[in-house]
Amino acid sequence: MQQTVINGTQRMAKAMKLERPDRVPLMCQPSWGFVLKQLPWLNPVDLWHNRERAYAEAFCKISRRFHFDGVLI
């Protein structure tokens, strides 16, 4: 039996509907310090004030970098 590969969004949606995803979804809730350490070019003030969507974009970059299915903000 061939199993279809799904992305993190689809995996989370299946789990939230109590369906069986291809694997257990993995979420992350990184600390600001971890985010700033991983993205050294990011200005901490921009992150704090969410200038030009810095907050959401930084956390999404971390999620993609470490292959998480989602991020908790």
PDB file of N, CA and C in Angstrom:
ATOM      1  N   MET A   1       0.842  -1.181   0.000  1.00  0.00           N
ATOM      2  CA  MET A   1       0.000   0.000   0.000  1.00  0.00           C
ATOM      3  C   MET A   1       0.884   1.240   0.000  1.00  0.00           C
ATOM      4  N   GLN A   2       0.663   2.134  -0.945  1.00  0.00           N
ATOM      5  CA  GLN A   2       1.453   3.347  -1.056  1.00  0.00           C
ATOM      6  C   GLN A   2       0.806   4.459  -0.233  1.00  0.00           C
ATOM      7  N   GLN A   3       1.645   5.153   0.551  1.00  0.00           N
ATOM      8  CA  GLN A   3       1.127   6.226   1.385  1.00  0.00           C
ATOM      9  C   GLN A   3       1.512   7.570   0.765  1.00  0.00           C
ATOM     10  N   THR A   4       0.584   8.490   0.712  1.00  0.00           N
ATOM     11  CA  THR A   4       0.821   9.800   0.125  1.00  0.00           C
ATOM     12  C   THR A   4       1.618  10.657   1.093  1.00  0.00           C
ATOM     13  N   VAL A   5       2.613  11.367   0.573  1.00  0.00           N
ATOM     14  CA  VAL A   5       3.400  12.281   1.380  1.00  0.00           C
ATOM     15  C   VAL A   5       2.611  13.578   1.515  1.00  0.00           C
ATOM     16  N   ILE A   6       2.502  14.068   2.735  1.00  0.00           N
ATOM     17  CA  ILE A   6       1.762  15.310   2.977  1.00  0.00           C
ATOM     18  C   ILE A   6       2.685  16.326   3.632  1.00  0.00           C
ATOM     19  N   ASN A   7       2.306  17.594   3.549  1.00  0.00           N
ATOM     20  CA  ASN A   7       3.121  18.630   4.175  1.00  0.00           C
ATOM     21  C   ASN A   7       2.657  18.881   5.608  1.00  0.00           C
ATOM     22  N   GLY A   8       3.379  19.762   6.309  1.00  0.00           N
ATOM     23  CA  GLY A   8       3.090  20.022   7.710  1.00  0.00           C
ATOM     24  C   GLY A   8       1.692  20.576   7.957  1.00  0.00           C
ATOM     25  N   THR A   9       1.229  21.436   7.075  1.00  0.00           N
ATOM     26  CA  THR A   9      -0.103  22.008   7.230  1.00  0.00           C
ATOM     27  C   THR A   9      -1.173  20.926   7.117  1.00  0.00           C
ATOM     28  N   GLN A  10      -1.019  20.068   6.125  1.00  0.00           N
ATOM     29  CA  GLN A  10      -1.978  18.973   5.947  1.00  0.00           C
ATOM     30  C   GLN A  10      -1.898  17.990   7.121  1.00  0.00           C
ATOM     31  N   ARG A  11      -0.687  17.738   7.597  1.00  0.00           N
ATOM     32  CA  ARG A  11      -0.483  16.830   8.721  1.00  0.00           C
ATOM     33  C   ARG A  11      -1.188  17.370   9.974  1.00  0.00           C
ATOM     34  N   MET A  12      -1.029  18.660  10.222  1.00  0.00           N
ATOM     35  CA  MET A  12      -1.674  19.285  11.387  1.00  0.00           C
ATOM     36  C   MET A  12      -3.196  19.250  11.240  1.00  0.00           C
ATOM     37  N   ALA A  13      -3.697  19.515  10.033  1.00  0.00           N
ATOM     38  CA  ALA A  13      -5.141  19.502   9.795  1.00  0.00           C
ATOM     39  C   ALA A  13      -5.720  18.121  10.058  1.00  0.00           C
ATOM     40  N   LYS A  14      -5.032  17.074   9.595  1.00  0.00           N
ATOM     41  CA  LYS A  14      -5.508  15.710   9.837  1.00  0.00           C
ATOM     42  C   LYS A  14      -5.545  15.406  11.324  1.00  0.00           C
ATOM     43  N   ALA A  15      -4.481  15.770  12.022  1.00  0.00           N
ATOM     44  CA  ALA A  15      -4.423  15.498  13.458  1.00  0.00           C
ATOM     45  C   ALA A  15      -5.517  16.249  14.209  1.00  0.00           C
ATOM     46  N   MET A  16      -5.776  17.484  13.816  1.00  0.00           N
ATOM     47  CA  MET A  16      -6.805  18.286  14.490  1.00  0.00           C
ATOM     48  C   MET A  16      -8.209  17.733  14.237  1.00  0.00           C
ATOM     49  N   LYS A  17      -8.385  17.031  13.106  1.00  0.00           N
ATOM     50  CA  LYS A  17      -9.681  16.402  12.806  1.00  0.00           C
ATOM     51  C   LYS A  17      -9.759  14.974  13.350  1.00  0.00           C
ATOM     52  N   LEU A  18      -8.745  14.615  14.174  1.00  0.00           N
ATOM     53  CA  LEU A  18      -8.652  13.286  14.781  1.00  0.00           C
ATOM     54  C   LEU A  18      -8.531  12.177  13.748  1.00  0.00           C
ATOM     55  N   GLU A  19      -7.961  12.523  12.587  1.00  0.00           N
ATOM     56  CA  GLU A  19      -7.636  11.532  11.569  1.00  0.00           C
ATOM     57  C   GLU A  19      -6.189  11.107  11.774  1.00  0.00           C
ATOM     58  N   ARG A  20      -5.765  10.071  11.095  1.00  0.00           N
ATOM     59  CA  ARG A  20      -4.411   9.559  11.265  1.00  0.00           C
ATOM     60  C   ARG A  20      -3.476  10.161  10.204  1.00  0.00           C
ATOM     61  N   PRO A  21      -2.558  11.047  10.629  1.00  0.00           N
ATOM     62  CA  PRO A  21      -1.587  11.585   9.677  1.00  0.00           C
ATOM     63  C   PRO A  21      -0.495  10.550   9.396  1.00  0.00           C
ATOM     64  N   ASP A  22       0.382  10.861   8.448  1.00  0.00           N
ATOM     65  CA  ASP A  22       1.463   9.935   8.105  1.00  0.00           C
ATOM     66  C   ASP A  22       2.465   9.759   9.238  1.00  0.00           C
ATOM     67  N   ARG A  23       2.565  10.755  10.109  1.00  0.00           N
ATOM     68  CA  ARG A  23       3.392  10.671  11.314  1.00  0.00           C
ATOM     69  C   ARG A  23       2.876  11.686  12.316  1.00  0.00           C
ATOM     70  N   VAL A  24       3.361  11.612  13.521  1.00  0.00           N
ATOM     71  CA  VAL A  24       2.931  12.547  14.559  1.00  0.00           C
ATOM     72  C   VAL A  24       3.453  13.940  14.203  1.00  0.00           C
ATOM     73  N   PRO A  25       2.576  14.952  14.191  1.00  0.00           N
ATOM     74  CA  PRO A  25       3.026  16.311  13.885  1.00  0.00           C
ATOM     75  C   PRO A  25       3.957  16.836  14.978  1.00  0.00           C
ATOM     76  N   LEU A  26       4.934  17.604  14.574  1.00  0.00           N
ATOM     77  CA  LEU A  26       5.896  18.175  15.503  1.00  0.00           C
ATOM     78  C   LEU A  26       5.804  19.688  15.437  1.00  0.00           C
ATOM     79  N   MET A  27       5.479  20.289  16.565  1.00  0.00           N
ATOM     80  CA  MET A  27       5.367  21.745  16.656  1.00  0.00           C
ATOM     81  C   MET A  27       6.545  22.270  17.471  1.00  0.00           C
ATOM     82  N   CYS A  28       6.839  23.548  17.327  1.00  0.00           N
ATOM     83  CA  CYS A  28       7.897  24.155  18.127  1.00  0.00           C
ATOM     84  C   CYS A  28       7.402  25.480  18.692  1.00  0.00           C
ATOM     85  N   GLN A  29       7.997  25.854  19.816  1.00  0.00           N
ATOM     86  CA  GLN A  29       7.748  27.162  20.415  1.00  0.00           C
ATOM     87  C   GLN A  29       9.104  27.708  20.859  1.00  0.00           C
ATOM     88  N   PRO A  30       9.884  28.189  19.883  1.00  0.00           N
ATOM     89  CA  PRO A  30      11.244  28.627  20.217  1.00  0.00           C
ATOM     90  C   PRO A  30      11.244  29.908  21.035  1.00  0.00           C
ATOM     91  N   SER A  31      12.254  30.029  21.866  1.00  0.00           N
ATOM     92  CA  SER A  31      12.406  31.257  22.646  1.00  0.00           C
ATOM     93  C   SER A  31      12.947  32.359  21.737  1.00  0.00           C
ATOM     94  N   TRP A  32      12.762  33.596  22.169  1.00  0.00           N
ATOM     95  CA  TRP A  32      13.268  34.728  21.385  1.00  0.00           C
ATOM     96  C   TRP A  32      14.781  34.660  21.281  1.00  0.00           C
ATOM     97  N   GLY A  33      15.428  34.238  22.363  1.00  0.00           N
ATOM     98  CA  GLY A  33      16.887  34.123  22.347  1.00  0.00           C
ATOM     99  C   GLY A  33      17.357  33.133  21.302  1.00  0.00           C
ATOM    100  N   PHE A  34      16.662  32.007  21.208  1.00  0.00           N
ATOM    101  CA  PHE A  34      17.017  30.996  20.211  1.00  0.00           C
ATOM    102  C   PHE A  34      16.822  31.550  18.801  1.00  0.00           C
ATOM    103  N   VAL A  35      15.709  32.247  18.596  1.00  0.00           N
ATOM    104  CA  VAL A  35      15.431  32.825  17.274  1.00  0.00           C
ATOM    105  C   VAL A  35      16.514  33.836  16.902  1.00  0.00           C
ATOM    106  N   LEU A  36      16.873  34.696  17.833  1.00  0.00           N
ATOM    107  CA  LEU A  36      17.887  35.709  17.539  1.00  0.00           C
ATOM    108  C   LEU A  36      19.265  35.083  17.326  1.00  0.00           C
ATOM    109  N   LYS A  37      19.536  33.984  18.011  1.00  0.00           N
ATOM    110  CA  LYS A  37      20.814  33.282  17.822  1.00  0.00           C
ATOM    111  C   LYS A  37      20.865  32.624  16.430  1.00  0.00           C
ATOM    112  N   GLN A  38      19.730  32.091  15.982  1.00  0.00           N
ATOM    113  CA  GLN A  38      19.671  31.426  14.671  1.00  0.00           C
ATOM    114  C   GLN A  38      19.625  32.412  13.517  1.00  0.00           C
ATOM    115  N   LEU A  39      19.091  33.598  13.759  1.00  0.00           N
ATOM    116  CA  LEU A  39      18.958  34.622  12.721  1.00  0.00           C
ATOM    117  C   LEU A  39      19.711  35.879  13.167  1.00  0.00           C
ATOM    118  N   PRO A  40      21.037  35.847  13.148  1.00  0.00           N
ATOM    119  CA  PRO A  40      21.831  36.953  13.720  1.00  0.00           C
ATOM    120  C   PRO A  40      21.637  38.295  13.018  1.00  0.00           C
ATOM    121  N   TRP A  41      21.151  38.302  11.795  1.00  0.00           N
ATOM    122  CA  TRP A  41      20.925  39.562  11.085  1.00  0.00           C
ATOM    123  C   TRP A  41      19.641  40.264  11.537  1.00  0.00           C
ATOM    124  N   LEU A  42      18.801  39.565  12.288  1.00  0.00           N
ATOM    125  CA  LEU A  42      17.523  40.127  12.723  1.00  0.00           C
ATOM    126  C   LEU A  42      17.724  41.090  13.889  1.00  0.00           C
ATOM    127  N   ASN A  43      17.214  42.283  13.752  1.00  0.00           N
ATOM    128  CA  ASN A  43      17.297  43.295  14.799  1.00  0.00           C
ATOM    129  C   ASN A  43      16.294  42.932  15.904  1.00  0.00           C
ATOM    130  N   PRO A  44      16.739  42.792  17.163  1.00  0.00           N
ATOM    131  CA  PRO A  44      15.824  42.446  18.254  1.00  0.00           C
ATOM    132  C   PRO A  44      14.676  43.445  18.415  1.00  0.00           C
ATOM    133  N   VAL A  45      14.921  44.711  18.120  1.00  0.00           N
ATOM    134  CA  VAL A  45      13.870  45.725  18.219  1.00  0.00           C
ATOM    135  C   VAL A  45      12.797  45.483  17.160  1.00  0.00           C
ATOM    136  N   ASP A  46      13.222  45.084  15.961  1.00  0.00           N
ATOM    137  CA  ASP A  46      12.260  44.760  14.902  1.00  0.00           C
ATOM    138  C   ASP A  46      11.408  43.555  15.305  1.00  0.00           C
ATOM    139  N   LEU A  47      12.050  42.576  15.935  1.00  0.00           N
ATOM    140  CA  LEU A  47      11.307  41.404  16.395  1.00  0.00           C
ATOM    141  C   LEU A  47      10.289  41.809  17.462  1.00  0.00           C
ATOM    142  N   TRP A  48      10.713  42.610  18.421  1.00  0.00           N
ATOM    143  CA  TRP A  48       9.843  43.028  19.526  1.00  0.00           C
ATOM    144  C   TRP A  48       8.640  43.820  19.020  1.00  0.00           C
ATOM    145  N   HIS A  49       8.869  44.729  18.096  1.00  0.00           N
ATOM    146  CA  HIS A  49       7.790  45.582  17.583  1.00  0.00           C
ATOM    147  C   HIS A  49       7.123  45.011  16.332  1.00  0.00           C
ATOM    148  N   ASN A  50       7.563  43.841  15.908  1.00  0.00           N
ATOM    149  CA  ASN A  50       7.013  43.163  14.735  1.00  0.00           C
ATOM    150  C   ASN A  50       7.030  44.072  13.503  1.00  0.00           C
ATOM    151  N   ARG A  51       8.126  44.777  13.338  1.00  0.00           N
ATOM    152  CA  ARG A  51       8.258  45.651  12.170  1.00  0.00           C
ATOM    153  C   ARG A  51       8.354  44.806  10.915  1.00  0.00           C
ATOM    154  N   GLU A  52       7.556  45.159   9.944  1.00  0.00           N
ATOM    155  CA  GLU A  52       7.514  44.459   8.652  1.00  0.00           C
ATOM    156  C   GLU A  52       7.373  42.949   8.838  1.00  0.00           C
ATOM    157  N   ARG A  53       6.502  42.564   9.762  1.00  0.00           N
ATOM    158  CA  ARG A  53       6.159  41.155  10.026  1.00  0.00           C
ATOM    159  C   ARG A  53       7.359  40.330  10.474  1.00  0.00           C
ATOM    160  N   ALA A  54       8.323  40.965  11.119  1.00  0.00           N
ATOM    161  CA  ALA A  54       9.552  40.276  11.521  1.00  0.00           C
ATOM    162  C   ALA A  54       9.270  39.107  12.459  1.00  0.00           C
ATOM    163  N   TYR A  55       8.320  39.265  13.349  1.00  0.00           N
ATOM    164  CA  TYR A  55       8.022  38.233  14.356  1.00  0.00           C
ATOM    165  C   TYR A  55       7.561  36.937  13.694  1.00  0.00           C
ATOM    166  N   ALA A  56       6.511  37.022  12.912  1.00  0.00           N
ATOM    167  CA  ALA A  56       5.955  35.823  12.275  1.00  0.00           C
ATOM    168  C   ALA A  56       6.944  35.211  11.287  1.00  0.00           C
ATOM    169  N   GLU A  57       7.602  36.049  10.507  1.00  0.00           N
ATOM    170  CA  GLU A  57       8.536  35.527   9.517  1.00  0.00           C
ATOM    171  C   GLU A  57       9.729  34.845  10.170  1.00  0.00           C
ATOM    172  N   ALA A  58      10.230  35.396  11.269  1.00  0.00           N
ATOM    173  CA  ALA A  58      11.359  34.774  11.968  1.00  0.00           C
ATOM    174  C   ALA A  58      10.970  33.404  12.507  1.00  0.00           C
ATOM    175  N   PHE A  59       9.811  33.313  13.127  1.00  0.00           N
ATOM    176  CA  PHE A  59       9.387  32.036  13.694  1.00  0.00           C
ATOM    177  C   PHE A  59       9.094  31.018  12.586  1.00  0.00           C
ATOM    178  N   CYS A  60       8.588  31.467  11.461  1.00  0.00           N
ATOM    179  CA  CYS A  60       8.343  30.552  10.335  1.00  0.00           C
ATOM    180  C   CYS A  60       9.655  30.069   9.729  1.00  0.00           C
ATOM    181  N   LYS A  61      10.656  30.947   9.659  1.00  0.00           N
ATOM    182  CA  LYS A  61      11.966  30.523   9.149  1.00  0.00           C
ATOM    183  C   LYS A  61      12.566  29.444  10.041  1.00  0.00           C
ATOM    184  N   ILE A  62      12.439  29.613  11.348  1.00  0.00           N
ATOM    185  CA  ILE A  62      12.951  28.606  12.285  1.00  0.00           C
ATOM    186  C   ILE A  62      12.197  27.296  12.080  1.00  0.00           C
ATOM    187  N   SER A  63      10.898  27.376  11.919  1.00  0.00           N
ATOM    188  CA  SER A  63      10.087  26.172  11.716  1.00  0.00           C
ATOM    189  C   SER A  63      10.525  25.427  10.461  1.00  0.00           C
ATOM    190  N   ARG A  64      10.760  26.154   9.373  1.00  0.00           N
ATOM    191  CA  ARG A  64      11.202  25.517   8.124  1.00  0.00           C
ATOM    192  C   ARG A  64      12.622  24.969   8.255  1.00  0.00           C
ATOM    193  N   ARG A  65      13.492  25.726   8.895  1.00  0.00           N
ATOM    194  CA  ARG A  65      14.892  25.309   9.028  1.00  0.00           C
ATOM    195  C   ARG A  65      15.020  23.979   9.765  1.00  0.00           C
ATOM    196  N   PHE A  66      14.198  23.800  10.796  1.00  0.00           N
ATOM    197  CA  PHE A  66      14.295  22.594  11.613  1.00  0.00           C
ATOM    198  C   PHE A  66      13.215  21.563  11.279  1.00  0.00           C
ATOM    199  N   HIS A  67      12.504  21.784  10.181  1.00  0.00           N
ATOM    200  CA  HIS A  67      11.508  20.841   9.657  1.00  0.00           C
ATOM    201  C   HIS A  67      10.382  20.548  10.654  1.00  0.00           C
ATOM    202  N   PHE A  68       9.917  21.594  11.333  1.00  0.00           N
ATOM    203  CA  PHE A  68       8.746  21.442  12.189  1.00  0.00           C
ATOM    204  C   PHE A  68       7.499  21.530  11.323  1.00  0.00           C
ATOM    205  N   ASP A  69       6.421  20.938  11.796  1.00  0.00           N
ATOM    206  CA  ASP A  69       5.160  20.996  11.052  1.00  0.00           C
ATOM    207  C   ASP A  69       4.413  22.291  11.340  1.00  0.00           C
ATOM    208  N   GLY A  70       4.761  22.956  12.407  1.00  0.00           N
ATOM    209  CA  GLY A  70       4.107  24.207  12.758  1.00  0.00           C
ATOM    210  C   GLY A  70       4.871  24.912  13.848  1.00  0.00           C
ATOM    211  N   VAL A  71       4.468  26.111  14.131  1.00  0.00           N
ATOM    212  CA  VAL A  71       5.136  26.917  15.151  1.00  0.00           C
ATOM    213  C   VAL A  71       4.080  27.511  16.070  1.00  0.00           C
ATOM    214  N   LEU A  72       4.383  27.527  17.351  1.00  0.00           N
ATOM    215  CA  LEU A  72       3.488  28.123  18.341  1.00  0.00           C
ATOM    216  C   LEU A  72       3.975  29.515  18.653  1.00  0.00           C
ATOM    217  N   ILE A  73       3.110  30.493  18.461  1.00  0.00           N
ATOM    218  CA  ILE A  73       3.496  31.889  18.738  1.00  0.00           C
ATOM    219  C   ILE A  73       2.583  32.412  19.828  1.00  0.00           C
TER     220      ILE A  73
END
